[in-house]
Amino acid sequence: MTPNAASTGSPRTEQSRRGFLATGAVAAVAVAGGAPLLTACGGGDDTGKKDGTTSGKDAARILPAFVASSVVPADVPARDGSAAGYTRAIPAAQLKASVPEKLGKGGALTVMAPFWGTPPAPGNPYYKAMNEAVGVQVAWQNQDGNVYDQKLGAVLASSDIPDIVVVPGWNLGGKIPSAINAKFEDLGPYLSGDKVKAYPNLAAVPTDAWQRGIFGGRLRGLPMPASYVTNLAPFYRKDLFDAKGWQLPRSADEFLALAKEITSAKAKVWACADMTWTAWNMFGVLNGSDKALGWNLVDGKLVNRIETPEYLEALEWTRKLFDAGVVHPDEKAQNQGDTSLRFTSGQCLVYNNDLSHWYGKTAEMAARNPDFAMAAMDIPGHAGGAPELWATNPANIWSFVRKGASKAVIEDALAIANFTAAPYGTKERMLTDYGVEGVHHTVKDGLPVKTDAGNQEVSSSWMFVASPAPYIAHPDMPEITKAQVEWQQRMGALTRKSSFYGLTVAEPAQWTGLMNDFEQLEKDIVRGRKKVSDMQQAVSEWKSKGGDQLRDWYKKLLDTTGSAAS
């Protein structure tokens, strides 16, 4: 990995809308507060009319066999849910081939995918090189990622659907989940069980990620795997902490006390940004990135995250930070500028964001401030000791093949997916990430460095078709790679899987909007515009308006299908 390119590992490793949008070229569209991910669809028949999910024996009959890749051993092996880490660059002459023969049969396919920024021109040298290597002529229909859900809905409502369509989890609103079941192919006949071995790179995709690809009782989605460890890290200015001798907090009270100590409004230095995301983790609140993850079986009863005392305690603690004046004032006005710029400038000393920021901001500041150093603090338990962390989903972006596609089209689509799922250290991964040497990148000090043509033409959209098991690779900053993976491992050792971990769940339509206003209410409470009692009232109304019925529905679903958590 090089300083002038987005992380090869980050989108695969930290899989949420807020995380993905915070990486690389799309950082400009990240927004403070994030957006809760909408659940995917599952259960039932090809029409998508049946709500629910698929797990247990039904899923076992559908899922592909797992055959781990041994092409290039990781320098920091994956453990406790972490990504694998690669700290060294592999010379071009030593790159392995994971696709020794072209699997594509030369067909022409259209692919629709989100894109942030200006899409590459059709027929550019990078696209030509990829098409030639895969053996498929791909025509890209890139759409503005900021309004992708609108385009996606329109396309799926039409009869003119591209051969491959990428669907991010955060765009699974409205009628899109049911459209997935009705408009996309069952790939099980090509991938279930040992059939996947015809596509070795897809066989190396973790089973948990494939589980998330089951929609409408069928294996429809080609997944983009991710680590299930929380991707939201509390970063701090290590250079300034070391210089001042500040010790990292070991509890919620210590965090507040330290924040008061290091804030100096007169010097235009504030301790932190809005720390709500970290508060959820400190207080052990169930994961809120997916509706189904917010439910967990406790003593025989399903409980939602918003009903727990930890949820209210996390809000109350975050509010204390705002009330104490230790939060940068621009954070009170939502979406007021870029928090990470306040962090790198030294106005804000702690902020939480996607783990990929560790590399991205360090690389960004290397020339501007040689003394700059940042790190991710281990998430402390709110009362001291270790926190209780909850797993996020192991995949949340998929590609689908249009229903009615011929066998030749499906096999060409899988040829693309097998190529783009190539692991680190392979010729296929290098071409996908860096294009053609001498055209899209050069090699400097043993590292690939993108040229202007590479920055303009090499498109990250290919990774949406399918991706390898999560990894982090920054050979230009091996210490950051190692630190990122080891942080995931430490946090992963403290991570539990809730009852609906890894399952795609389609809630009945009458209840899908029950929690639409909760995120804004959370923001209003921590900023002092609403009271904690307002949340208690909102939860009471949620229960009476359908929350209790939804609980019964989820409990019946769990009793019927079982959990995928282990």
Protein backbone atom coordinates (compact mmCIF):
# COMPACT_ATOMS: atom_id res chain seq x y z
CA MET A 1 0.00 0.00 0.00
CA THR A 2 1.20 3.49 -0.71
CA PRO A 3 0.55 6.94 0.68
CA ASN A 4 -1.23 8.13 -2.47
CA ALA A 5 -3.89 5.45 -2.54
CA ALA A 6 -6.77 4.32 -0.39
CA SER A 7 -6.15 1.34 1.85
CA THR A 8 -6.43 -2.01 0.16
CA GLY A 9 -7.65 -3.52 3.37
CA SER A 10 -9.87 -0.89 4.93
CA PRO A 11 -13.10 -1.25 2.94
CA ARG A 12 -12.92 -5.01 3.39
CA THR A 13 -12.09 -4.75 7.03
CA GLU A 14 -14.41 -2.07 8.39
CA GLN A 15 -17.76 -2.70 6.87
CA SER A 16 -20.32 -0.01 7.56
CA ARG A 17 -21.54 2.98 5.66
CA ARG A 18 -19.80 5.45 7.96
CA GLY A 19 -16.64 3.37 7.82
CA PHE A 20 -16.66 2.85 4.09
CA LEU A 21 -17.37 6.47 3.29
CA ALA A 22 -14.53 7.55 5.55
CA THR A 23 -11.90 5.72 3.54
CA GLY A 24 -9.75 6.94 0.69
CA ALA A 25 -11.29 9.04 -2.03
CA VAL A 26 -14.75 9.05 -0.50
CA ALA A 27 -13.79 10.72 2.78
CA ALA A 28 -15.38 13.97 1.69
CA VAL A 29 -18.86 12.52 1.85
CA ALA A 30 -18.56 11.00 5.34
CA VAL A 31 -20.93 12.62 7.78
CA ALA A 32 -20.73 12.92 11.55
CA GLY A 33 -23.08 10.57 13.29
CA GLY A 34 -23.27 8.01 10.54
CA ALA A 35 -26.41 6.24 9.41
CA PRO A 36 -27.73 3.01 10.84
CA LEU A 37 -27.55 0.20 8.34
CA LEU A 38 -30.80 -1.26 7.14
CA THR A 39 -31.27 -4.98 7.32
CA ALA A 40 -31.09 -7.25 4.38
CA CYS A 41 -33.75 -9.63 3.21
CA GLY A 42 -34.04 -13.34 3.89
CA GLY A 43 -36.27 -16.32 4.27
CA GLY A 44 -39.01 -17.54 2.04
CA ASP A 45 -39.33 -18.01 -1.67
CA ASP A 46 -38.08 -16.39 -4.85
CA THR A 47 -40.75 -13.72 -4.75
CA GLY A 48 -39.41 -12.25 -1.53
CA LYS A 49 -42.93 -12.16 -0.04
CA LYS A 50 -41.99 -14.18 3.02
CA ASP A 51 -40.25 -12.36 5.86
CA GLY A 52 -37.53 -13.92 7.98
CA THR A 53 -34.09 -15.41 7.59
CA THR A 54 -32.27 -18.65 6.84
CA SER A 55 -29.83 -20.42 9.16
CA GLY A 56 -29.05 -23.81 10.65
CA LYS A 57 -29.57 -26.87 8.49
CA ASP A 58 -31.32 -24.89 5.75
CA ALA A 59 -28.31 -22.61 5.43
CA ALA A 60 -25.85 -25.51 5.60
CA ARG A 61 -27.38 -26.96 2.44
CA ILE A 62 -26.88 -23.65 0.65
CA LEU A 63 -23.49 -22.40 1.83
CA PRO A 64 -20.30 -22.95 -0.17
CA ALA A 65 -17.53 -25.13 1.24
CA PHE A 66 -14.67 -23.21 2.83
CA VAL A 67 -11.12 -23.78 1.60
CA ALA A 68 -8.66 -21.31 3.12
CA SER A 69 -6.19 -19.63 0.79
CA SER A 70 -2.53 -20.48 1.31
CA VAL A 71 -1.16 -18.43 -1.58
CA VAL A 72 0.63 -15.88 0.63
CA PRO A 73 0.81 -16.40 4.44
CA ALA A 74 -0.08 -13.32 6.48
CA ASP A 75 2.65 -11.52 8.42
CA VAL A 76 0.12 -10.99 11.22
CA PRO A 77 -2.37 -13.88 11.06
CA ALA A 78 -6.04 -13.22 11.66
CA ARG A 79 -7.23 -14.04 15.18
CA ASP A 80 -10.33 -13.39 17.28
CA GLY A 81 -12.22 -11.97 14.33
CA SER A 82 -9.46 -9.64 13.14
CA ALA A 83 -8.32 -9.07 9.60
CA ALA A 84 -5.04 -10.59 8.47
CA GLY A 85 -2.10 -8.20 8.28
CA TYR A 86 0.57 -7.86 5.58
CA THR A 87 3.52 -5.66 6.46
CA ARG A 88 5.75 -6.27 3.45
CA ALA A 89 5.56 -5.43 -0.20
CA ILE A 90 5.94 -8.37 -2.54
CA PRO A 91 8.04 -7.68 -5.66
CA ALA A 92 6.22 -8.09 -8.95
CA ALA A 93 8.46 -11.01 -9.90
CA GLN A 94 7.37 -12.87 -6.76
CA LEU A 95 3.62 -12.32 -7.07
CA LYS A 96 1.68 -15.58 -7.20
CA ALA A 97 -1.10 -16.45 -9.61
CA SER A 98 -4.38 -17.38 -7.91
CA VAL A 99 -6.19 -17.63 -11.25
CA PRO A 100 -3.77 -19.61 -13.45
CA GLU A 101 -6.25 -19.82 -16.33
CA LYS A 102 -8.87 -17.36 -17.49
CA LEU A 103 -12.28 -18.44 -16.32
CA GLY A 104 -14.15 -15.87 -18.40
CA LYS A 105 -15.44 -17.01 -21.77
CA GLY A 106 -15.27 -13.60 -23.43
CA GLY A 107 -18.85 -12.51 -22.87
CA ALA A 108 -19.97 -8.89 -22.49
CA LEU A 109 -21.49 -7.95 -19.11
CA THR A 110 -22.84 -4.74 -17.62
CA VAL A 111 -22.13 -3.92 -13.97
CA MET A 112 -23.88 -1.22 -11.94
CA ALA A 113 -22.07 -0.02 -8.82
CA PRO A 114 -21.88 3.08 -6.61
CA PHE A 115 -19.01 5.50 -7.15
CA TRP A 116 -17.91 8.55 -5.21
CA GLY A 117 -16.22 11.15 -7.36
CA THR A 118 -15.72 11.17 -11.13
CA PRO A 119 -15.94 7.68 -12.66
CA PRO A 120 -13.16 6.59 -15.05
CA ALA A 121 -13.83 7.00 -18.74
CA PRO A 122 -15.16 3.89 -20.52
CA GLY A 123 -12.60 1.84 -22.40
CA ASN A 124 -9.61 3.24 -20.50
CA PRO A 125 -6.37 1.20 -20.35
CA TYR A 126 -7.14 -0.08 -16.84
CA TYR A 127 -10.53 -1.41 -17.82
CA LYS A 128 -9.03 -3.00 -20.91
CA ALA A 129 -6.31 -4.70 -18.85
CA MET A 130 -8.82 -6.04 -16.34
CA ASN A 131 -11.17 -7.29 -19.05
CA GLU A 132 -8.34 -9.06 -20.81
CA ALA A 133 -7.07 -10.68 -17.60
CA VAL A 134 -10.52 -11.86 -16.49
CA GLY A 135 -11.68 -12.88 -19.94
CA VAL A 136 -14.91 -10.86 -19.75
CA GLN A 137 -15.81 -7.58 -21.42
CA VAL A 138 -17.21 -5.48 -18.58
CA ALA A 139 -19.13 -2.27 -19.25
CA TRP A 140 -19.46 -0.22 -16.06
CA GLN A 141 -22.58 1.72 -15.13
CA ASN A 142 -21.19 3.70 -12.21
CA GLN A 143 -23.76 5.74 -10.27
CA ASP A 144 -23.34 8.55 -7.74
CA GLY A 145 -22.86 6.81 -4.40
CA ASN A 146 -24.54 9.64 -2.51
CA VAL A 147 -27.91 8.98 -4.16
CA TYR A 148 -27.35 5.38 -5.16
CA ASP A 149 -30.48 4.16 -3.39
CA GLN A 150 -32.63 6.29 -5.69
CA LYS A 151 -31.04 4.93 -8.84
CA LEU A 152 -31.08 1.41 -7.44
CA GLY A 153 -34.79 1.58 -6.70
CA ALA A 154 -35.57 2.88 -10.17
CA VAL A 155 -33.49 0.22 -11.89
CA LEU A 156 -34.94 -2.64 -9.88
CA ALA A 157 -38.45 -1.39 -10.62
CA SER A 158 -37.72 -1.54 -14.34
CA SER A 159 -37.30 -4.42 -16.75
CA ASP A 160 -33.84 -3.25 -17.81
CA ILE A 161 -31.54 -4.61 -15.11
CA PRO A 162 -27.73 -4.79 -15.61
CA ASP A 163 -26.12 -8.23 -15.55
CA ILE A 164 -24.49 -7.51 -12.18
CA VAL A 165 -25.85 -5.05 -9.62
CA VAL A 166 -24.04 -3.99 -6.44
CA VAL A 167 -26.24 -3.40 -3.39
CA PRO A 168 -24.78 -1.88 -0.20
CA GLY A 169 -26.51 -2.79 3.04
CA TRP A 170 -27.28 0.86 3.80
CA ASN A 171 -29.39 1.05 0.62
CA LEU A 172 -31.70 -1.82 1.59
CA GLY A 173 -34.72 0.33 2.26
CA GLY A 174 -38.21 0.50 0.86
CA LYS A 175 -39.00 -2.14 -1.74
CA ILE A 176 -35.39 -3.01 -2.54
CA PRO A 177 -35.18 -6.09 -0.26
CA SER A 178 -38.19 -7.77 -1.88
CA ALA A 179 -36.86 -6.78 -5.31
CA ILE A 180 -33.63 -8.65 -4.59
CA ASN A 181 -35.53 -11.91 -4.22
CA ALA A 182 -37.59 -11.29 -7.33
CA LYS A 183 -34.93 -9.85 -9.63
CA PHE A 184 -31.70 -11.76 -8.91
CA GLU A 185 -30.44 -15.28 -9.57
CA ASP A 186 -29.92 -18.12 -7.17
CA LEU A 187 -26.18 -18.83 -7.34
CA GLY A 188 -26.42 -21.97 -5.24
CA PRO A 189 -26.33 -24.33 -8.24
CA TYR A 190 -22.89 -22.89 -9.07
CA LEU A 191 -21.44 -22.31 -5.59
CA SER A 192 -23.10 -24.41 -2.88
CA GLY A 193 -20.99 -27.07 -1.21
CA ASP A 194 -18.01 -28.30 -3.18
CA LYS A 195 -19.18 -26.57 -6.37
CA VAL A 196 -17.43 -23.41 -5.19
CA LYS A 197 -14.07 -25.17 -5.55
CA ALA A 198 -14.22 -24.36 -9.26
CA TYR A 199 -13.61 -20.78 -8.04
CA PRO A 200 -10.77 -21.11 -5.47
CA ASN A 201 -10.73 -17.46 -4.43
CA LEU A 202 -14.46 -17.57 -3.71
CA ALA A 203 -13.96 -20.81 -1.78
CA ALA A 204 -11.62 -18.87 0.52
CA VAL A 205 -14.34 -16.36 1.42
CA PRO A 206 -15.28 -16.99 5.09
CA THR A 207 -18.50 -18.91 5.71
CA ASP A 208 -19.91 -16.13 7.90
CA ALA A 209 -19.72 -13.75 4.94
CA TRP A 210 -21.50 -16.23 2.68
CA GLN A 211 -24.21 -16.62 5.33
CA ARG A 212 -24.92 -12.93 4.85
CA GLY A 213 -25.36 -13.60 1.13
CA ILE A 214 -28.49 -15.67 1.66
CA PHE A 215 -31.52 -13.68 0.52
CA GLY A 216 -34.99 -15.12 0.25
CA GLY A 217 -33.74 -18.56 1.21
CA ARG A 218 -31.30 -18.64 -1.70
CA LEU A 219 -27.59 -17.90 -2.07
CA ARG A 220 -27.92 -14.75 -4.17
CA GLY A 221 -25.29 -12.31 -2.91
CA LEU A 222 -21.56 -12.35 -3.65
CA PRO A 223 -20.24 -10.81 -0.44
CA MET A 224 -17.58 -8.28 0.47
CA PRO A 225 -16.22 -9.88 3.68
CA ALA A 226 -15.37 -7.84 6.74
CA SER A 227 -13.97 -8.30 10.21
CA TYR A 228 -16.78 -8.63 12.75
CA VAL A 229 -14.79 -6.63 15.31
CA THR A 230 -16.04 -3.08 15.81
CA ASN A 231 -14.52 -0.75 13.23
CA LEU A 232 -15.10 2.34 15.38
CA ALA A 233 -11.90 3.18 17.20
CA PRO A 234 -11.26 6.00 19.71
CA PHE A 235 -8.19 7.72 18.28
CA TYR A 236 -5.95 10.02 20.28
CA ARG A 237 -3.00 12.30 19.50
CA LYS A 238 -0.25 10.02 20.76
CA ASP A 239 2.46 12.62 20.12
CA LEU A 240 0.73 15.16 22.36
CA PHE A 241 -0.28 12.63 25.00
CA ASP A 242 3.31 11.40 25.24
CA ALA A 243 4.70 14.93 25.40
CA LYS A 244 2.31 15.92 28.19
CA GLY A 245 2.54 12.63 30.06
CA TRP A 246 -1.23 12.07 29.90
CA GLN A 247 -2.32 8.55 30.75
CA LEU A 248 -5.04 6.80 28.77
CA PRO A 249 -8.34 6.54 30.66
CA ARG A 250 -9.39 3.18 32.08
CA SER A 251 -13.03 4.02 32.76
CA ALA A 252 -15.78 6.46 31.81
CA ASP A 253 -15.05 8.60 34.88
CA GLU A 254 -11.33 8.72 34.09
CA PHE A 255 -12.13 9.74 30.52
CA LEU A 256 -14.24 12.68 31.72
CA ALA A 257 -11.63 13.75 34.26
CA LEU A 258 -8.85 13.63 31.67
CA ALA A 259 -11.02 15.49 29.16
CA LYS A 260 -11.49 18.34 31.64
CA GLU A 261 -7.75 18.43 32.32
CA ILE A 262 -6.64 18.66 28.70
CA THR A 263 -9.30 21.08 27.43
CA SER A 264 -8.28 24.73 27.07
CA ALA A 265 -10.86 26.77 25.20
CA LYS A 266 -8.58 29.81 25.48
CA ALA A 267 -5.89 27.93 23.56
CA LYS A 268 -8.55 26.55 21.18
CA VAL A 269 -7.87 22.98 22.28
CA TRP A 270 -10.70 20.65 23.24
CA ALA A 271 -10.41 17.12 24.51
CA CYS A 272 -12.70 15.33 22.13
CA ALA A 273 -15.33 15.12 19.45
CA ASP A 274 -18.78 13.59 19.86
CA MET A 275 -17.89 10.26 21.51
CA THR A 276 -21.28 8.56 21.21
CA TRP A 277 -19.90 5.71 19.10
CA THR A 278 -17.25 4.96 21.70
CA ALA A 279 -19.82 5.27 24.48
CA TRP A 280 -21.89 2.44 22.97
CA ASN A 281 -18.84 0.20 23.20
CA MET A 282 -17.66 1.38 26.62
CA PHE A 283 -21.06 0.68 28.15
CA GLY A 284 -21.61 -2.63 26.34
CA VAL A 285 -24.60 -1.50 24.26
CA LEU A 286 -25.74 -3.99 21.62
CA ASN A 287 -24.60 -3.17 18.11
CA GLY A 288 -26.75 -0.62 16.31
CA SER A 289 -25.34 -0.94 12.79
CA ASP A 290 -28.06 -3.42 11.82
CA LYS A 291 -31.59 -3.78 13.17
CA ALA A 292 -31.31 -7.52 13.78
CA LEU A 293 -28.02 -7.13 15.68
CA GLY A 294 -29.85 -4.90 18.15
CA TRP A 295 -31.77 -7.90 19.52
CA ASN A 296 -30.31 -10.42 21.95
CA LEU A 297 -31.72 -13.29 23.99
CA VAL A 298 -31.29 -12.61 27.72
CA ASP A 299 -32.62 -15.14 30.22
CA GLY A 300 -35.07 -16.47 27.67
CA LYS A 301 -36.40 -13.05 26.62
CA LEU A 302 -35.43 -11.03 23.57
CA VAL A 303 -34.26 -7.56 24.51
CA ASN A 304 -33.59 -4.66 22.15
CA ARG A 305 -30.60 -2.40 22.66
CA ILE A 306 -32.82 0.64 23.28
CA GLU A 307 -34.46 -1.12 26.25
CA THR A 308 -31.23 -1.72 28.13
CA PRO A 309 -29.93 0.44 30.99
CA GLU A 310 -26.55 0.52 29.24
CA TYR A 311 -28.12 2.40 26.33
CA LEU A 312 -29.37 5.21 28.56
CA GLU A 313 -26.13 5.26 30.55
CA ALA A 314 -24.09 5.70 27.38
CA LEU A 315 -26.27 8.64 26.30
CA GLU A 316 -26.06 10.22 29.74
CA TRP A 317 -22.25 9.92 29.83
CA THR A 318 -21.84 11.42 26.37
CA ARG A 319 -24.09 14.28 27.41
CA LYS A 320 -21.79 14.92 30.38
CA LEU A 321 -18.93 15.49 27.95
CA PHE A 322 -20.91 18.15 26.09
CA ASP A 323 -22.14 19.73 29.33
CA ALA A 324 -18.55 19.91 30.65
CA GLY A 325 -17.43 21.89 27.61
CA VAL A 326 -14.77 19.33 26.65
CA VAL A 327 -16.28 18.59 23.22
CA HIS A 328 -15.15 20.80 20.35
CA PRO A 329 -17.90 23.43 19.89
CA ASP A 330 -18.31 22.67 16.20
CA GLU A 331 -19.45 19.17 17.17
CA LYS A 332 -22.59 20.57 18.77
CA ALA A 333 -23.79 21.74 15.39
CA GLN A 334 -24.19 18.48 13.49
CA ASN A 335 -22.23 18.03 10.26
CA GLN A 336 -20.20 21.16 10.97
CA GLY A 337 -16.94 20.53 9.10
CA ASP A 338 -14.61 17.55 9.24
CA THR A 339 -13.80 16.23 12.71
CA SER A 340 -10.62 14.56 11.49
CA LEU A 341 -9.22 17.93 10.36
CA ARG A 342 -9.77 19.31 13.84
CA PHE A 343 -7.92 16.26 15.13
CA THR A 344 -4.90 16.60 12.83
CA SER A 345 -4.69 20.34 13.50
CA GLY A 346 -4.56 19.73 17.26
CA GLN A 347 -7.85 21.44 18.11
CA CYS A 348 -9.46 18.13 19.07
CA LEU A 349 -7.29 15.50 20.78
CA VAL A 350 -9.59 12.46 20.74
CA TYR A 351 -12.17 11.38 18.16
CA ASN A 352 -13.80 8.16 17.07
CA ASN A 353 -14.01 6.94 13.51
CA ASP A 354 -13.30 4.05 11.18
CA LEU A 355 -10.15 2.10 11.99
CA SER A 356 -8.80 2.88 8.52
CA HIS A 357 -8.24 6.48 9.63
CA TRP A 358 -5.17 5.27 11.48
CA TYR A 359 -3.30 4.73 8.24
CA GLY A 360 -5.05 7.40 6.19
CA LYS A 361 -4.43 10.30 8.56
CA THR A 362 -0.90 9.18 9.40
CA ALA A 363 -0.02 9.06 5.70
CA GLU A 364 -1.71 12.39 5.11
CA MET A 365 0.29 14.09 7.86
CA ALA A 366 3.67 12.50 7.11
CA ALA A 367 4.97 15.45 5.09
CA ARG A 368 3.01 18.20 6.83
CA ASN A 369 3.95 17.37 10.43
CA PRO A 370 6.76 14.82 10.96
CA ASP A 371 6.04 14.79 14.71
CA PHE A 372 2.40 13.81 14.23
CA ALA A 373 1.45 10.46 15.74
CA MET A 374 -1.94 8.95 16.43
CA ALA A 375 -3.09 5.69 17.94
CA ALA A 376 -6.28 3.92 18.88
CA MET A 377 -6.82 3.51 22.59
CA ASP A 378 -8.18 0.17 23.74
CA ILE A 379 -11.84 0.70 24.54
CA PRO A 380 -12.15 0.85 28.33
CA GLY A 381 -15.04 -0.63 30.24
CA HIS A 382 -17.25 2.13 31.61
CA ALA A 383 -16.62 1.03 35.21
CA GLY A 384 -13.02 0.02 34.61
CA GLY A 385 -11.70 -3.30 33.39
CA ALA A 386 -12.65 -4.85 30.07
CA PRO A 387 -15.71 -3.74 28.09
CA GLU A 388 -18.35 -6.06 26.68
CA LEU A 389 -18.21 -5.55 22.92
CA TRP A 390 -20.67 -6.81 20.34
CA ALA A 391 -19.90 -8.12 16.88
CA THR A 392 -20.88 -6.31 13.74
CA ASN A 393 -21.84 -8.16 10.58
CA PRO A 394 -19.22 -10.08 8.56
CA ALA A 395 -20.40 -8.62 5.23
CA ASN A 396 -22.61 -5.71 4.24
CA ILE A 397 -22.08 -5.12 0.52
CA TRP A 398 -23.06 -7.63 -2.14
CA SER A 399 -23.25 -8.02 -5.89
CA PHE A 400 -26.09 -9.89 -7.56
CA VAL A 401 -26.64 -11.45 -10.97
CA ARG A 402 -29.86 -10.55 -12.74
CA LYS A 403 -32.59 -13.13 -12.80
CA GLY A 404 -32.95 -14.95 -16.09
CA ALA A 405 -29.26 -14.57 -16.96
CA SER A 406 -27.93 -17.38 -19.11
CA LYS A 407 -25.50 -19.96 -17.76
CA ALA A 408 -22.74 -18.26 -19.76
CA VAL A 409 -23.50 -14.87 -18.17
CA ILE A 410 -23.58 -16.33 -14.66
CA GLU A 411 -20.28 -18.12 -15.18
CA ASP A 412 -18.67 -14.97 -16.57
CA ALA A 413 -19.96 -13.06 -13.53
CA LEU A 414 -18.40 -15.66 -11.25
CA ALA A 415 -15.17 -15.42 -13.23
CA ILE A 416 -15.05 -11.70 -12.42
CA ALA A 417 -15.83 -12.38 -8.76
CA ASN A 418 -13.16 -15.07 -8.48
CA PHE A 419 -10.61 -12.65 -9.96
CA THR A 420 -11.49 -9.68 -7.74
CA ALA A 421 -11.53 -11.94 -4.65
CA ALA A 422 -7.85 -12.74 -5.16
CA PRO A 423 -5.83 -12.40 -1.94
CA TYR A 424 -2.93 -10.07 -1.19
CA GLY A 425 0.35 -11.03 -2.81
CA THR A 426 -1.18 -12.21 -6.08
CA LYS A 427 -0.95 -10.92 -9.62
CA GLU A 428 -4.71 -10.54 -9.71
CA ARG A 429 -4.81 -8.42 -6.55
CA MET A 430 -2.00 -6.19 -7.81
CA LEU A 431 -3.70 -5.59 -11.15
CA THR A 432 -7.06 -4.93 -9.50
CA ASP A 433 -5.63 -2.46 -6.97
CA TYR A 434 -2.85 -0.81 -8.97
CA GLY A 435 -3.41 -1.45 -12.66
CA VAL A 436 -0.61 -1.93 -15.16
CA GLU A 437 2.98 -1.24 -14.08
CA GLY A 438 4.46 1.63 -16.05
CA VAL A 439 1.01 2.96 -16.88
CA HIS A 440 -0.96 3.10 -13.66
CA HIS A 441 1.82 2.67 -11.14
CA THR A 442 5.56 2.66 -10.80
CA VAL A 443 7.68 0.93 -8.20
CA LYS A 444 9.60 3.15 -5.80
CA ASP A 445 11.67 1.71 -2.97
CA GLY A 446 9.97 -1.61 -3.56
CA LEU A 447 6.46 -0.16 -3.25
CA PRO A 448 3.86 0.42 -5.98
CA VAL A 449 3.04 4.12 -6.35
CA LYS A 450 0.13 5.19 -8.50
CA THR A 451 0.71 7.55 -11.38
CA ASP A 452 -1.74 10.29 -12.33
CA ALA A 453 -3.31 7.84 -14.78
CA GLY A 454 -3.61 5.30 -11.99
CA ASN A 455 -5.37 7.76 -9.70
CA GLN A 456 -7.78 8.64 -12.50
CA GLU A 457 -8.48 5.20 -13.95
CA VAL A 458 -7.97 2.49 -11.32
CA SER A 459 -11.46 1.98 -9.97
CA SER A 460 -12.38 0.56 -6.59
CA SER A 461 -15.71 -0.57 -8.05
CA TRP A 462 -14.21 -3.92 -9.02
CA MET A 463 -13.92 -4.93 -5.38
CA PHE A 464 -17.69 -4.60 -5.02
CA VAL A 465 -18.23 -7.62 -7.26
CA ALA A 466 -16.48 -9.79 -4.66
CA SER A 467 -13.56 -9.44 -2.26
CA PRO A 468 -11.17 -11.73 -0.36
CA ALA A 469 -11.21 -12.44 3.35
CA PRO A 470 -10.57 -9.19 5.28
CA TYR A 471 -6.97 -8.03 5.37
CA ILE A 472 -4.95 -4.89 6.06
CA ALA A 473 -1.83 -4.19 4.02
CA HIS A 474 0.29 -1.07 4.38
CA PRO A 475 3.86 -2.12 3.55
CA ASP A 476 4.90 1.54 3.50
CA MET A 477 3.85 1.75 7.15
CA PRO A 478 4.23 -1.77 8.54
CA GLU A 479 3.97 -0.57 12.12
CA ILE A 480 0.49 0.84 11.40
CA THR A 481 -0.61 -2.43 9.81
CA LYS A 482 0.59 -4.39 12.82
CA ALA A 483 -1.03 -1.95 15.25
CA GLN A 484 -4.37 -2.04 13.44
CA VAL A 485 -4.57 -5.83 13.38
CA GLU A 486 -3.40 -6.19 16.99
CA TRP A 487 -6.00 -3.64 18.12
CA GLN A 488 -8.67 -5.71 16.36
CA GLN A 489 -7.36 -8.85 18.04
CA ARG A 490 -7.47 -7.32 21.52
CA MET A 491 -10.96 -5.96 20.94
CA GLY A 492 -12.03 -9.17 19.21
CA ALA A 493 -11.11 -11.20 22.28
CA LEU A 494 -13.71 -9.16 24.17
CA THR A 495 -16.38 -9.39 21.47
CA ARG A 496 -19.58 -11.44 21.71
CA LYS A 497 -22.04 -12.33 18.98
CA SER A 498 -25.66 -11.43 19.57
CA SER A 499 -28.53 -13.74 18.69
CA PHE A 500 -28.93 -12.63 15.07
CA TYR A 501 -25.26 -12.19 14.26
CA GLY A 502 -24.48 -12.86 10.60
CA LEU A 503 -28.09 -13.34 9.52
CA THR A 504 -29.91 -11.33 6.88
CA VAL A 505 -33.33 -10.59 8.30
CA ALA A 506 -36.33 -9.07 6.55
CA GLU A 507 -38.65 -7.47 9.07
CA PRO A 508 -42.37 -7.34 8.26
CA ALA A 509 -43.09 -4.10 6.41
CA GLN A 510 -45.46 -2.70 9.06
CA TRP A 511 -42.62 -2.41 11.57
CA THR A 512 -39.62 -1.39 9.47
CA GLY A 513 -39.91 2.32 10.29
CA LEU A 514 -40.33 2.00 14.05
CA MET A 515 -36.84 3.25 14.88
CA ASN A 516 -36.47 5.91 12.20
CA ASP A 517 -36.33 8.82 14.65
CA PHE A 518 -34.05 7.31 17.28
CA GLU A 519 -30.71 8.40 15.86
CA GLN A 520 -31.74 12.04 15.73
CA LEU A 521 -33.12 11.81 19.25
CA GLU A 522 -29.79 10.38 20.43
CA LYS A 523 -27.99 13.38 18.93
CA ASP A 524 -30.43 15.80 20.51
CA ILE A 525 -30.03 14.22 23.94
CA VAL A 526 -26.25 14.24 24.07
CA ARG A 527 -26.24 17.86 22.87
CA GLY A 528 -28.67 18.93 25.54
CA ARG A 529 -31.59 19.69 23.24
CA LYS A 530 -33.66 16.82 24.68
CA LYS A 531 -33.68 14.95 28.00
CA VAL A 532 -32.82 11.33 28.75
CA SER A 533 -36.43 11.01 29.89
CA ASP A 534 -37.47 11.85 26.32
CA MET A 535 -35.70 8.68 25.21
CA GLN A 536 -37.48 6.66 27.88
CA GLN A 537 -40.76 8.01 26.56
CA ALA A 538 -39.74 7.20 22.97
CA VAL A 539 -38.92 3.62 23.97
CA SER A 540 -42.29 3.29 25.69
CA GLU A 541 -44.03 4.50 22.52
CA TRP A 542 -41.90 2.19 20.39
CA LYS A 543 -43.08 -0.77 22.45
CA SER A 544 -46.75 0.18 22.22
CA LYS A 545 -46.63 1.00 18.51
CA GLY A 546 -45.22 -2.37 17.52
CA GLY A 547 -41.96 -2.98 19.36
CA ASP A 548 -43.45 -5.67 21.57
CA GLN A 549 -45.06 -7.35 18.56
CA LEU A 550 -41.77 -7.16 16.71
CA ARG A 551 -40.07 -8.79 19.68
CA ASP A 552 -42.53 -11.68 19.50
CA TRP A 553 -41.87 -11.98 15.77
CA TYR A 554 -38.10 -12.08 16.27
CA LYS A 555 -38.46 -14.62 19.08
CA LYS A 556 -40.54 -16.92 16.89
CA LEU A 557 -37.97 -16.48 14.12
CA LEU A 558 -35.16 -17.41 16.49
CA ASP A 559 -37.06 -20.43 17.79
CA THR A 560 -37.69 -21.58 14.21
CA THR A 561 -34.35 -20.94 12.52
CA GLY A 562 -31.87 -20.83 15.38
CA SER A 563 -28.87 -18.53 15.65
CA ALA A 564 -25.81 -18.40 13.41
CA ALA A 565 -23.65 -17.11 16.27
CA SER A 566 -21.07 -19.50 17.68
